[in-house]
Amino acid sequence: MLLQLPFVFAFYKSLSVTIEMRGASWLWVTDLSQPETIALRVLPILLIVTQFLQQRIDAQPRQDPTQQKMM
């Protein structure tokens, strides 16, 4: 995860300064270079929900008996 962090920061920075994002719309966001205009921030809430679901899926117990003995 520490290896991915610089790439996440670089991707975020490139999206904030990219001129092609000005005026481009996606779903309900009318301008991708500006923050959301909806009072309830939907995109961060979706991010939290999907991360929670992904953790629940990945945290399923393994069926391998040798792994269970090691844990």
Protein backbone atom coordinates (compact mmCIF):
# COMPACT_ATOMS: atom_id res chain seq x y z
CA MET A 1 0.00 0.00 0.00
CA LEU A 2 2.88 2.40 0.68
CA LEU A 3 4.10 1.72 -2.83
CA GLN A 4 0.75 2.82 -4.27
CA LEU A 5 0.50 6.05 -2.28
CA PRO A 6 2.79 8.21 -4.49
CA PHE A 7 0.86 7.10 -7.56
CA VAL A 8 -2.46 8.03 -5.94
CA PHE A 9 -1.14 11.50 -5.07
CA ALA A 10 0.26 11.97 -8.60
CA PHE A 11 -3.01 10.85 -10.18
CA TYR A 12 -5.01 13.21 -7.98
CA LYS A 13 -2.69 16.12 -8.78
CA SER A 14 -2.78 15.41 -12.52
CA LEU A 15 -6.59 15.38 -12.45
CA SER A 16 -6.70 18.71 -10.63
CA VAL A 17 -4.50 20.50 -13.19
CA THR A 18 -5.53 18.77 -16.42
CA ILE A 19 -7.12 21.26 -18.80
CA GLU A 20 -9.16 18.55 -20.54
CA MET A 21 -11.22 18.09 -17.37
CA ARG A 22 -12.63 21.62 -17.52
CA GLY A 23 -16.22 21.48 -18.65
CA ALA A 24 -16.26 17.68 -18.94
CA SER A 25 -19.26 16.08 -17.27
CA TRP A 26 -19.65 12.66 -15.68
CA LEU A 27 -22.94 11.37 -14.30
CA TRP A 28 -24.30 14.22 -12.12
CA VAL A 29 -21.03 16.18 -11.87
CA THR A 30 -21.27 18.95 -14.46
CA ASP A 31 -17.62 20.07 -14.37
CA LEU A 32 -14.94 17.58 -13.34
CA SER A 33 -12.47 20.35 -12.52
CA GLN A 34 -14.79 21.71 -9.79
CA PRO A 35 -16.01 20.15 -6.52
CA GLU A 36 -19.45 18.59 -6.38
CA THR A 37 -22.33 21.05 -6.14
CA ILE A 38 -24.69 18.64 -4.39
CA ALA A 39 -24.91 19.41 -0.65
CA LEU A 40 -24.55 15.71 0.19
CA ARG A 41 -21.18 14.60 -1.15
CA VAL A 42 -22.15 11.42 -2.99
CA LEU A 43 -18.78 10.41 -4.45
CA PRO A 44 -16.94 10.18 -1.08
CA ILE A 45 -19.86 8.21 0.38
CA LEU A 46 -19.72 5.80 -2.57
CA LEU A 47 -15.98 5.43 -2.04
CA ILE A 48 -16.46 4.54 1.63
CA VAL A 49 -19.21 2.04 0.86
CA THR A 50 -17.25 0.29 -1.88
CA GLN A 51 -14.11 0.08 0.27
CA PHE A 52 -16.13 -1.40 3.13
CA LEU A 53 -17.68 -3.98 0.80
CA GLN A 54 -14.29 -4.85 -0.67
CA GLN A 55 -12.87 -5.43 2.81
CA ARG A 56 -15.80 -7.65 3.71
CA ILE A 57 -15.29 -9.72 0.58
CA ASP A 58 -11.53 -10.06 1.08
CA ALA A 59 -11.83 -10.89 4.78
CA GLN A 60 -13.67 -14.17 4.20
CA PRO A 61 -12.11 -17.05 6.15
CA ARG A 62 -10.00 -19.41 4.11
CA GLN A 63 -10.89 -23.08 3.92
CA ASP A 64 -7.33 -24.39 3.85
CA PRO A 65 -6.66 -26.36 7.08
CA THR A 66 -2.95 -25.61 7.11
CA GLN A 67 -3.65 -21.90 7.02
CA GLN A 68 -6.13 -22.28 9.87
CA LYS A 69 -3.49 -24.05 11.98
CA MET A 70 -0.97 -21.27 11.32
CA MET A 71 -3.45 -18.60 12.40
